[in-house]
Amino acid sequence: MEKPRALNALHTLLLAAVVGPIFALACAPAAAQVAPSAAEAAAYRGLHGTAQRGDAAQIRQLAAADKSGLNARDANGRTPLHVATFARKPEAIRALAQAGAGLDLLDNDRYDAVTIAAVADDEDSLRTLLGLGASAKLVTSRYDGTALIAAAHLGHDGVVRQLVAAGAPLDHVNNLHWTAAIEAVVLGDGGPRHQATLRALIGAGASLKLADRHGRTPLQLARERGFAVMVQMLESAGAR
């Protein structure tokens, strides 16, 4: 259930006091993604339209007749694969990939299909993309981050485990000077899913020594935010 607006505002103010002014720039990095609007979706034709509808059979038919549209772009730089991923259509994703669509292309907001699925907490589409050979290692978004950092920020623990298994860089530092482990703490709510996210990162061997631009490690940030379970997890892992 969504928090009342007043509580959201209070949470923002409290967190800003902990992580500093840069929080205002990154409290919701995933918000930079722009899914097709209802009007755009209704106006799509060709492979963009079939991708939006998830019509795998028609994708194969259209691609067999003319492959030139496989990596065509809409006004926001979205390819049919991006559209299928936003629409949560794994069979359309598979049909596009098998027809030769580029798996690692970025839209105008610098998101690839893997990061789109990661932000949406769409494990089925992510599993399909990774199984087809899409990379979990791309640098994406205006924050020069990764799908793993975006998923850690949002507490999408199942997505995090998939990305880790696919070789996502555990210690990539984005242009806010945050790693996935830092974002799981500093932009998380300290609840079960962010705890599971941090646990997965610790188990995978993510560095707990890398600090933010103010020199604060994940452990220090967890202490500042009063996340007792995370503090215990980090201390048990030998973090300082």
C-alpha atoms as a PDB file:
ATOM      1  CA  MET A   1       0.000   0.000   0.000  1.00  0.00           C
ATOM      2  CA  GLU A   2       1.266   3.447  -0.896  1.00  0.00           C
ATOM      3  CA  LYS A   3       2.312   5.614   2.033  1.00  0.00           C
ATOM      4  CA  PRO A   4       0.240   8.738   2.669  1.00  0.00           C
ATOM      5  CA  ARG A   5       1.705  11.813   0.987  1.00  0.00           C
ATOM      6  CA  ALA A   6       2.593  13.394   4.339  1.00  0.00           C
ATOM      7  CA  LEU A   7       4.593  10.342   5.375  1.00  0.00           C
ATOM      8  CA  ASN A   8       6.355  10.249   2.024  1.00  0.00           C
ATOM      9  CA  ALA A   9       7.304  13.906   2.437  1.00  0.00           C
ATOM     10  CA  LEU A  10       8.540  13.308   5.979  1.00  0.00           C
ATOM     11  CA  HIS A  11      10.557  10.280   4.848  1.00  0.00           C
ATOM     12  CA  THR A  12      12.171  12.386   2.112  1.00  0.00           C
ATOM     13  CA  LEU A  13      13.129  15.142   4.542  1.00  0.00           C
ATOM     14  CA  LEU A  14      14.579  12.710   7.075  1.00  0.00           C
ATOM     15  CA  LEU A  15      16.591  10.837   4.459  1.00  0.00           C
ATOM     16  CA  ALA A  16      17.882  14.052   2.946  1.00  0.00           C
ATOM     17  CA  ALA A  17      19.299  14.942   6.349  1.00  0.00           C
ATOM     18  CA  VAL A  18      21.161  11.623   6.409  1.00  0.00           C
ATOM     19  CA  VAL A  19      22.579  11.409   2.907  1.00  0.00           C
ATOM     20  CA  GLY A  20      22.931  15.082   2.065  1.00  0.00           C
ATOM     21  CA  PRO A  21      21.745  17.354  -0.739  1.00  0.00           C
ATOM     22  CA  ILE A  22      22.571  14.855  -3.444  1.00  0.00           C
ATOM     23  CA  PHE A  23      19.596  12.804  -2.248  1.00  0.00           C
ATOM     24  CA  ALA A  24      17.298  15.247  -3.995  1.00  0.00           C
ATOM     25  CA  LEU A  25      18.844  14.187  -7.309  1.00  0.00           C
ATOM     26  CA  ALA A  26      18.610  10.458  -6.715  1.00  0.00           C
ATOM     27  CA  CYS A  27      15.735   9.625  -4.401  1.00  0.00           C
ATOM     28  CA  ALA A  28      14.066   7.932  -7.371  1.00  0.00           C
ATOM     29  CA  PRO A  29      16.576   7.279 -10.163  1.00  0.00           C
ATOM     30  CA  ALA A  30      14.219   4.735 -11.715  1.00  0.00           C
ATOM     31  CA  ALA A  31      11.750   7.564 -12.341  1.00  0.00           C
ATOM     32  CA  ALA A  32      13.904   8.641 -15.300  1.00  0.00           C
ATOM     33  CA  GLN A  33      12.443   5.710 -17.228  1.00  0.00           C
ATOM     34  CA  VAL A  34       9.611   6.698 -19.526  1.00  0.00           C
ATOM     35  CA  ALA A  35       7.221   3.904 -20.474  1.00  0.00           C
ATOM     36  CA  PRO A  36       5.047   4.380 -23.561  1.00  0.00           C
ATOM     37  CA  SER A  37       1.975   6.440 -22.758  1.00  0.00           C
ATOM     38  CA  ALA A  38      -1.497   5.108 -23.538  1.00  0.00           C
ATOM     39  CA  ALA A  39      -1.616   7.410 -26.557  1.00  0.00           C
ATOM     40  CA  GLU A  40       1.767   6.209 -27.823  1.00  0.00           C
ATOM     41  CA  ALA A  41       0.809   2.578 -27.323  1.00  0.00           C
ATOM     42  CA  ALA A  42      -2.426   3.061 -29.241  1.00  0.00           C
ATOM     43  CA  ALA A  43      -0.588   4.773 -32.098  1.00  0.00           C
ATOM     44  CA  TYR A  44       2.107   2.134 -32.535  1.00  0.00           C
ATOM     45  CA  ARG A  45       2.178   0.287 -35.843  1.00  0.00           C
ATOM     46  CA  GLY A  46       4.333  -2.488 -37.232  1.00  0.00           C
ATOM     47  CA  LEU A  47       6.706  -4.198 -34.838  1.00  0.00           C
ATOM     48  CA  HIS A  48       6.215  -1.563 -32.152  1.00  0.00           C
ATOM     49  CA  GLY A  49       2.488  -2.305 -32.213  1.00  0.00           C
ATOM     50  CA  THR A  50       2.881  -6.077 -32.153  1.00  0.00           C
ATOM     51  CA  ALA A  51       5.453  -5.777 -29.369  1.00  0.00           C
ATOM     52  CA  GLN A  52       3.045  -3.676 -27.305  1.00  0.00           C
ATOM     53  CA  ARG A  53       0.310  -6.286 -27.801  1.00  0.00           C
ATOM     54  CA  GLY A  54       2.666  -9.188 -27.179  1.00  0.00           C
ATOM     55  CA  ASP A  55       1.753 -10.873 -30.453  1.00  0.00           C
ATOM     56  CA  ALA A  56       4.735 -13.186 -30.933  1.00  0.00           C
ATOM     57  CA  ALA A  57       3.323 -14.892 -34.010  1.00  0.00           C
ATOM     58  CA  GLN A  58       2.847 -11.598 -35.836  1.00  0.00           C
ATOM     59  CA  ILE A  59       6.309 -10.446 -34.767  1.00  0.00           C
ATOM     60  CA  ARG A  60       7.784 -13.491 -36.456  1.00  0.00           C
ATOM     61  CA  GLN A  61       5.670 -12.871 -39.560  1.00  0.00           C
ATOM     62  CA  LEU A  62       6.588  -9.179 -39.825  1.00  0.00           C
ATOM     63  CA  ALA A  63      10.281  -9.817 -39.142  1.00  0.00           C
ATOM     64  CA  ALA A  64      10.418 -12.572 -41.766  1.00  0.00           C
ATOM     65  CA  ALA A  65       9.047 -10.147 -44.351  1.00  0.00           C
ATOM     66  CA  ASP A  66      11.206  -7.170 -43.367  1.00  0.00           C
ATOM     67  CA  LYS A  67      13.857  -7.015 -40.652  1.00  0.00           C
ATOM     68  CA  SER A  68      14.434  -3.289 -41.004  1.00  0.00           C
ATOM     69  CA  GLY A  69      11.991  -2.473 -38.215  1.00  0.00           C
ATOM     70  CA  LEU A  70      13.537  -4.718 -35.576  1.00  0.00           C
ATOM     71  CA  ASN A  71      15.623  -1.897 -34.119  1.00  0.00           C
ATOM     72  CA  ALA A  72      13.446   1.017 -35.234  1.00  0.00           C
ATOM     73  CA  ARG A  73      13.023   3.831 -32.711  1.00  0.00           C
ATOM     74  CA  ASP A  74       9.975   5.722 -31.519  1.00  0.00           C
ATOM     75  CA  ALA A  75      10.129   9.353 -30.379  1.00  0.00           C
ATOM     76  CA  ASN A  76      11.779   8.366 -27.097  1.00  0.00           C
ATOM     77  CA  GLY A  77      14.278   6.051 -28.734  1.00  0.00           C
ATOM     78  CA  ARG A  78      12.431   2.894 -27.712  1.00  0.00           C
ATOM     79  CA  THR A  79      12.878  -0.139 -29.938  1.00  0.00           C
ATOM     80  CA  PRO A  80      10.196  -2.828 -30.209  1.00  0.00           C
ATOM     81  CA  LEU A  81      12.197  -4.810 -27.618  1.00  0.00           C
ATOM     82  CA  HIS A  82      12.016  -1.917 -25.149  1.00  0.00           C
ATOM     83  CA  VAL A  83       8.278  -1.660 -25.776  1.00  0.00           C
ATOM     84  CA  ALA A  84       7.744  -5.405 -25.250  1.00  0.00           C
ATOM     85  CA  THR A  85       9.713  -5.195 -21.999  1.00  0.00           C
ATOM     86  CA  PHE A  86       7.752  -2.221 -20.706  1.00  0.00           C
ATOM     87  CA  ALA A  87       4.574  -4.157 -21.609  1.00  0.00           C
ATOM     88  CA  ARG A  88       5.795  -7.275 -19.749  1.00  0.00           C
ATOM     89  CA  LYS A  89       5.513  -9.524 -22.797  1.00  0.00           C
ATOM     90  CA  PRO A  90       8.256 -12.174 -22.501  1.00  0.00           C
ATOM     91  CA  GLU A  91       7.099 -14.159 -25.527  1.00  0.00           C
ATOM     92  CA  ALA A  92       7.273 -11.028 -27.647  1.00  0.00           C
ATOM     93  CA  ILE A  93      10.754 -10.388 -26.245  1.00  0.00           C
ATOM     94  CA  ARG A  94      11.771 -13.899 -27.272  1.00  0.00           C
ATOM     95  CA  ALA A  95      10.331 -13.546 -30.775  1.00  0.00           C
ATOM     96  CA  LEU A  96      12.075 -10.208 -31.325  1.00  0.00           C
ATOM     97  CA  ALA A  97      15.416 -11.517 -30.076  1.00  0.00           C
ATOM     98  CA  GLN A  98      15.193 -14.651 -32.191  1.00  0.00           C
ATOM     99  CA  ALA A  99      14.438 -12.500 -35.223  1.00  0.00           C
ATOM    100  CA  GLY A 100      17.625 -10.500 -34.628  1.00  0.00           C
ATOM    101  CA  ALA A 101      16.606  -7.510 -32.485  1.00  0.00           C
ATOM    102  CA  GLY A 102      19.451  -5.847 -30.592  1.00  0.00           C
ATOM    103  CA  LEU A 103      19.372  -6.852 -26.930  1.00  0.00           C
ATOM    104  CA  ASP A 104      21.670  -4.161 -25.553  1.00  0.00           C
ATOM    105  CA  LEU A 105      20.367  -0.982 -27.191  1.00  0.00           C
ATOM    106  CA  LEU A 106      19.622   2.052 -25.015  1.00  0.00           C
ATOM    107  CA  ASP A 107      16.615   4.340 -25.320  1.00  0.00           C
ATOM    108  CA  ASN A 108      16.875   8.137 -25.061  1.00  0.00           C
ATOM    109  CA  ASP A 109      16.890   7.875 -21.244  1.00  0.00           C
ATOM    110  CA  ARG A 110      19.822   5.447 -21.516  1.00  0.00           C
ATOM    111  CA  TYR A 111      17.935   2.366 -20.375  1.00  0.00           C
ATOM    112  CA  ASP A 112      18.321  -1.071 -21.907  1.00  0.00           C
ATOM    113  CA  ALA A 113      15.698  -3.817 -21.718  1.00  0.00           C
ATOM    114  CA  VAL A 114      17.444  -5.523 -18.777  1.00  0.00           C
ATOM    115  CA  THR A 115      17.317  -2.366 -16.657  1.00  0.00           C
ATOM    116  CA  ILE A 116      13.715  -1.733 -17.694  1.00  0.00           C
ATOM    117  CA  ALA A 117      12.752  -5.216 -16.482  1.00  0.00           C
ATOM    118  CA  ALA A 118      14.830  -4.788 -13.316  1.00  0.00           C
ATOM    119  CA  VAL A 119      13.126  -1.532 -12.377  1.00  0.00           C
ATOM    120  CA  ALA A 120       9.693  -3.050 -13.077  1.00  0.00           C
ATOM    121  CA  ASP A 121      10.477  -6.039 -10.808  1.00  0.00           C
ATOM    122  CA  ASP A 122       9.568  -8.189 -13.805  1.00  0.00           C
ATOM    123  CA  GLU A 123      11.436 -11.402 -13.150  1.00  0.00           C
ATOM    124  CA  ASP A 124       9.857 -13.289 -16.056  1.00  0.00           C
ATOM    125  CA  SER A 125      10.934 -10.766 -18.681  1.00  0.00           C
ATOM    126  CA  LEU A 126      14.354 -10.441 -17.064  1.00  0.00           C
ATOM    127  CA  ARG A 127      14.829 -14.213 -17.057  1.00  0.00           C
ATOM    128  CA  THR A 128      13.870 -14.311 -20.727  1.00  0.00           C
ATOM    129  CA  LEU A 129      16.266 -11.513 -21.652  1.00  0.00           C
ATOM    130  CA  LEU A 130      19.202 -12.988 -19.749  1.00  0.00           C
ATOM    131  CA  GLY A 131      18.496 -16.437 -21.180  1.00  0.00           C
ATOM    132  CA  LEU A 132      18.627 -14.956 -24.677  1.00  0.00           C
ATOM    133  CA  GLY A 133      22.041 -13.443 -24.021  1.00  0.00           C
ATOM    134  CA  ALA A 134      21.257  -9.894 -22.894  1.00  0.00           C
ATOM    135  CA  SER A 135      24.001  -8.414 -20.739  1.00  0.00           C
ATOM    136  CA  ALA A 136      23.673  -7.631 -17.039  1.00  0.00           C
ATOM    137  CA  LYS A 137      26.827  -5.514 -17.242  1.00  0.00           C
ATOM    138  CA  LEU A 138      25.777  -2.426 -19.187  1.00  0.00           C
ATOM    139  CA  VAL A 139      26.180   1.074 -17.783  1.00  0.00           C
ATOM    140  CA  THR A 140      22.748   2.658 -17.998  1.00  0.00           C
ATOM    141  CA  SER A 141      20.712   5.705 -16.966  1.00  0.00           C
ATOM    142  CA  ARG A 142      21.648   9.341 -16.372  1.00  0.00           C
ATOM    143  CA  TYR A 143      23.371   8.151 -13.190  1.00  0.00           C
ATOM    144  CA  ASP A 144      25.877   5.930 -15.053  1.00  0.00           C
ATOM    145  CA  GLY A 145      24.540   3.034 -13.020  1.00  0.00           C
ATOM    146  CA  THR A 146      23.607  -0.556 -13.744  1.00  0.00           C
ATOM    147  CA  ALA A 147      20.508  -2.718 -13.618  1.00  0.00           C
ATOM    148  CA  LEU A 148      21.857  -4.153 -10.357  1.00  0.00           C
ATOM    149  CA  ILE A 149      22.125  -0.744  -8.711  1.00  0.00           C
ATOM    150  CA  ALA A 150      18.589   0.154  -9.827  1.00  0.00           C
ATOM    151  CA  ALA A 151      17.202  -3.132  -8.490  1.00  0.00           C
ATOM    152  CA  ALA A 152      19.082  -2.772  -5.198  1.00  0.00           C
ATOM    153  CA  HIS A 153      17.735   0.739  -4.725  1.00  0.00           C
ATOM    154  CA  LEU A 154      14.178  -0.575  -5.152  1.00  0.00           C
ATOM    155  CA  GLY A 155      14.635  -3.721  -3.052  1.00  0.00           C
ATOM    156  CA  HIS A 156      13.845  -6.059  -5.925  1.00  0.00           C
ATOM    157  CA  ASP A 157      15.648  -8.968  -4.303  1.00  0.00           C
ATOM    158  CA  GLY A 158      14.654 -11.651  -6.813  1.00  0.00           C
ATOM    159  CA  VAL A 159      15.875  -9.452  -9.646  1.00  0.00           C
ATOM    160  CA  VAL A 160      19.101  -8.811  -7.744  1.00  0.00           C
ATOM    161  CA  ARG A 161      19.721 -12.536  -7.412  1.00  0.00           C
ATOM    162  CA  GLN A 162      19.140 -13.052 -11.140  1.00  0.00           C
ATOM    163  CA  LEU A 163      21.494 -10.229 -12.047  1.00  0.00           C
ATOM    164  CA  VAL A 164      24.190 -11.451  -9.686  1.00  0.00           C
ATOM    165  CA  ALA A 165      23.955 -14.933 -11.214  1.00  0.00           C
ATOM    166  CA  ALA A 166      24.275 -13.334 -14.667  1.00  0.00           C
ATOM    167  CA  GLY A 167      27.551 -11.664 -13.745  1.00  0.00           C
ATOM    168  CA  ALA A 168      26.398  -8.137 -12.996  1.00  0.00           C
ATOM    169  CA  PRO A 169      29.289  -5.995 -11.684  1.00  0.00           C
ATOM    170  CA  LEU A 170      28.890  -6.053  -7.916  1.00  0.00           C
ATOM    171  CA  ASP A 171      30.972  -2.991  -7.130  1.00  0.00           C
ATOM    172  CA  HIS A 172      30.182  -0.599  -9.953  1.00  0.00           C
ATOM    173  CA  VAL A 173      30.159   2.975  -8.631  1.00  0.00           C
ATOM    174  CA  ASN A 174      27.665   5.319 -10.284  1.00  0.00           C
ATOM    175  CA  ASN A 175      28.131   9.049 -10.728  1.00  0.00           C
ATOM    176  CA  LEU A 176      26.535   9.670  -7.329  1.00  0.00           C
ATOM    177  CA  HIS A 177      29.400   7.602  -5.889  1.00  0.00           C
ATOM    178  CA  TRP A 178      27.054   4.835  -4.785  1.00  0.00           C
ATOM    179  CA  THR A 179      27.315   1.080  -5.245  1.00  0.00           C
ATOM    180  CA  ALA A 180      24.436  -1.408  -5.201  1.00  0.00           C
ATOM    181  CA  ALA A 181      25.170  -2.166  -1.535  1.00  0.00           C
ATOM    182  CA  ILE A 182      25.109   1.521  -0.640  1.00  0.00           C
ATOM    183  CA  GLU A 183      21.864   2.114  -2.531  1.00  0.00           C
ATOM    184  CA  ALA A 184      20.178  -0.845  -0.828  1.00  0.00           C
ATOM    185  CA  VAL A 185      20.777   1.002   2.428  1.00  0.00           C
ATOM    186  CA  VAL A 186      20.625   4.678   1.614  1.00  0.00           C
ATOM    187  CA  LEU A 187      17.606   4.554  -0.715  1.00  0.00           C
ATOM    188  CA  GLY A 188      15.903   1.542   0.859  1.00  0.00           C
ATOM    189  CA  ASP A 189      13.335   1.346   3.631  1.00  0.00           C
ATOM    190  CA  GLY A 190      15.219  -1.155   5.777  1.00  0.00           C
ATOM    191  CA  GLY A 191      12.393  -3.672   5.342  1.00  0.00           C
ATOM    192  CA  PRO A 192      12.416  -7.362   4.375  1.00  0.00           C
ATOM    193  CA  ARG A 193      13.012  -6.916   0.650  1.00  0.00           C
ATOM    194  CA  HIS A 194      15.878  -4.458   1.080  1.00  0.00           C
ATOM    195  CA  GLN A 195      17.307  -6.751   3.746  1.00  0.00           C
ATOM    196  CA  ALA A 196      17.093  -9.683   1.309  1.00  0.00           C
ATOM    197  CA  THR A 197      18.725  -7.519  -1.345  1.00  0.00           C
ATOM    198  CA  LEU A 198      21.619  -6.610   0.920  1.00  0.00           C
ATOM    199  CA  ARG A 199      21.948 -10.239   2.009  1.00  0.00           C
ATOM    200  CA  ALA A 200      22.227 -11.332  -1.626  1.00  0.00           C
ATOM    201  CA  LEU A 201      24.897  -8.722  -2.316  1.00  0.00           C
ATOM    202  CA  ILE A 202      26.877  -9.704   0.778  1.00  0.00           C
ATOM    203  CA  GLY A 203      26.604 -13.385  -0.139  1.00  0.00           C
ATOM    204  CA  ALA A 204      27.851 -12.661  -3.651  1.00  0.00           C
ATOM    205  CA  GLY A 205      30.925 -10.893  -2.305  1.00  0.00           C
ATOM    206  CA  ALA A 206      30.067  -7.242  -2.899  1.00  0.00           C
ATOM    207  CA  SER A 207      32.573  -4.880  -1.305  1.00  0.00           C
ATOM    208  CA  LEU A 208      31.396  -3.449   2.000  1.00  0.00           C
ATOM    209  CA  LYS A 209      34.390  -1.119   2.220  1.00  0.00           C
ATOM    210  CA  LEU A 210      33.529   1.161  -0.682  1.00  0.00           C
ATOM    211  CA  ALA A 211      32.169   4.424   0.694  1.00  0.00           C
ATOM    212  CA  ASP A 212      30.012   7.252  -0.595  1.00  0.00           C
ATOM    213  CA  ARG A 213      31.512  10.615  -1.513  1.00  0.00           C
ATOM    214  CA  HIS A 214      31.296  11.597   2.166  1.00  0.00           C
ATOM    215  CA  GLY A 215      33.314   8.569   3.253  1.00  0.00           C
ATOM    216  CA  ARG A 216      30.371   6.621   4.695  1.00  0.00           C
ATOM    217  CA  THR A 217      30.289   2.859   4.216  1.00  0.00           C
ATOM    218  CA  PRO A 218      27.097   0.768   4.030  1.00  0.00           C
ATOM    219  CA  LEU A 219      27.496  -0.068   7.730  1.00  0.00           C
ATOM    220  CA  GLN A 220      27.836   3.558   8.746  1.00  0.00           C
ATOM    221  CA  LEU A 221      24.820   4.495   6.649  1.00  0.00           C
ATOM    222  CA  ALA A 222      22.756   1.651   8.108  1.00  0.00           C
ATOM    223  CA  ARG A 223      23.624   2.832  11.606  1.00  0.00           C
ATOM    224  CA  GLU A 224      22.690   6.410  10.742  1.00  0.00           C
ATOM    225  CA  ARG A 225      19.346   5.286   9.358  1.00  0.00           C
ATOM    226  CA  GLY A 226      18.600   3.046  12.342  1.00  0.00           C
ATOM    227  CA  PHE A 227      18.328  -0.147  10.268  1.00  0.00           C
ATOM    228  CA  ALA A 228      19.176  -2.605  13.043  1.00  0.00           C
ATOM    229  CA  VAL A 229      18.797  -5.772  10.965  1.00  0.00           C
ATOM    230  CA  MET A 230      21.033  -4.410   8.237  1.00  0.00           C
ATOM    231  CA  VAL A 231      23.587  -3.303  10.818  1.00  0.00           C
ATOM    232  CA  GLN A 232      23.664  -6.816  12.247  1.00  0.00           C
ATOM    233  CA  MET A 233      24.025  -8.335   8.775  1.00  0.00           C
ATOM    234  CA  LEU A 234      26.873  -6.023   7.881  1.00  0.00           C
ATOM    235  CA  GLU A 235      28.671  -6.485  11.183  1.00  0.00           C
ATOM    236  CA  SER A 236      28.365 -10.264  10.857  1.00  0.00           C
ATOM    237  CA  ALA A 237      29.935  -9.986   7.394  1.00  0.00           C
ATOM    238  CA  GLY A 238      32.907  -8.130   8.864  1.00  0.00           C
ATOM    239  CA  ALA A 239      31.964  -4.702   7.568  1.00  0.00           C
ATOM    240  CA  ARG A 240      33.415  -1.627   9.224  1.00  0.00           C
END
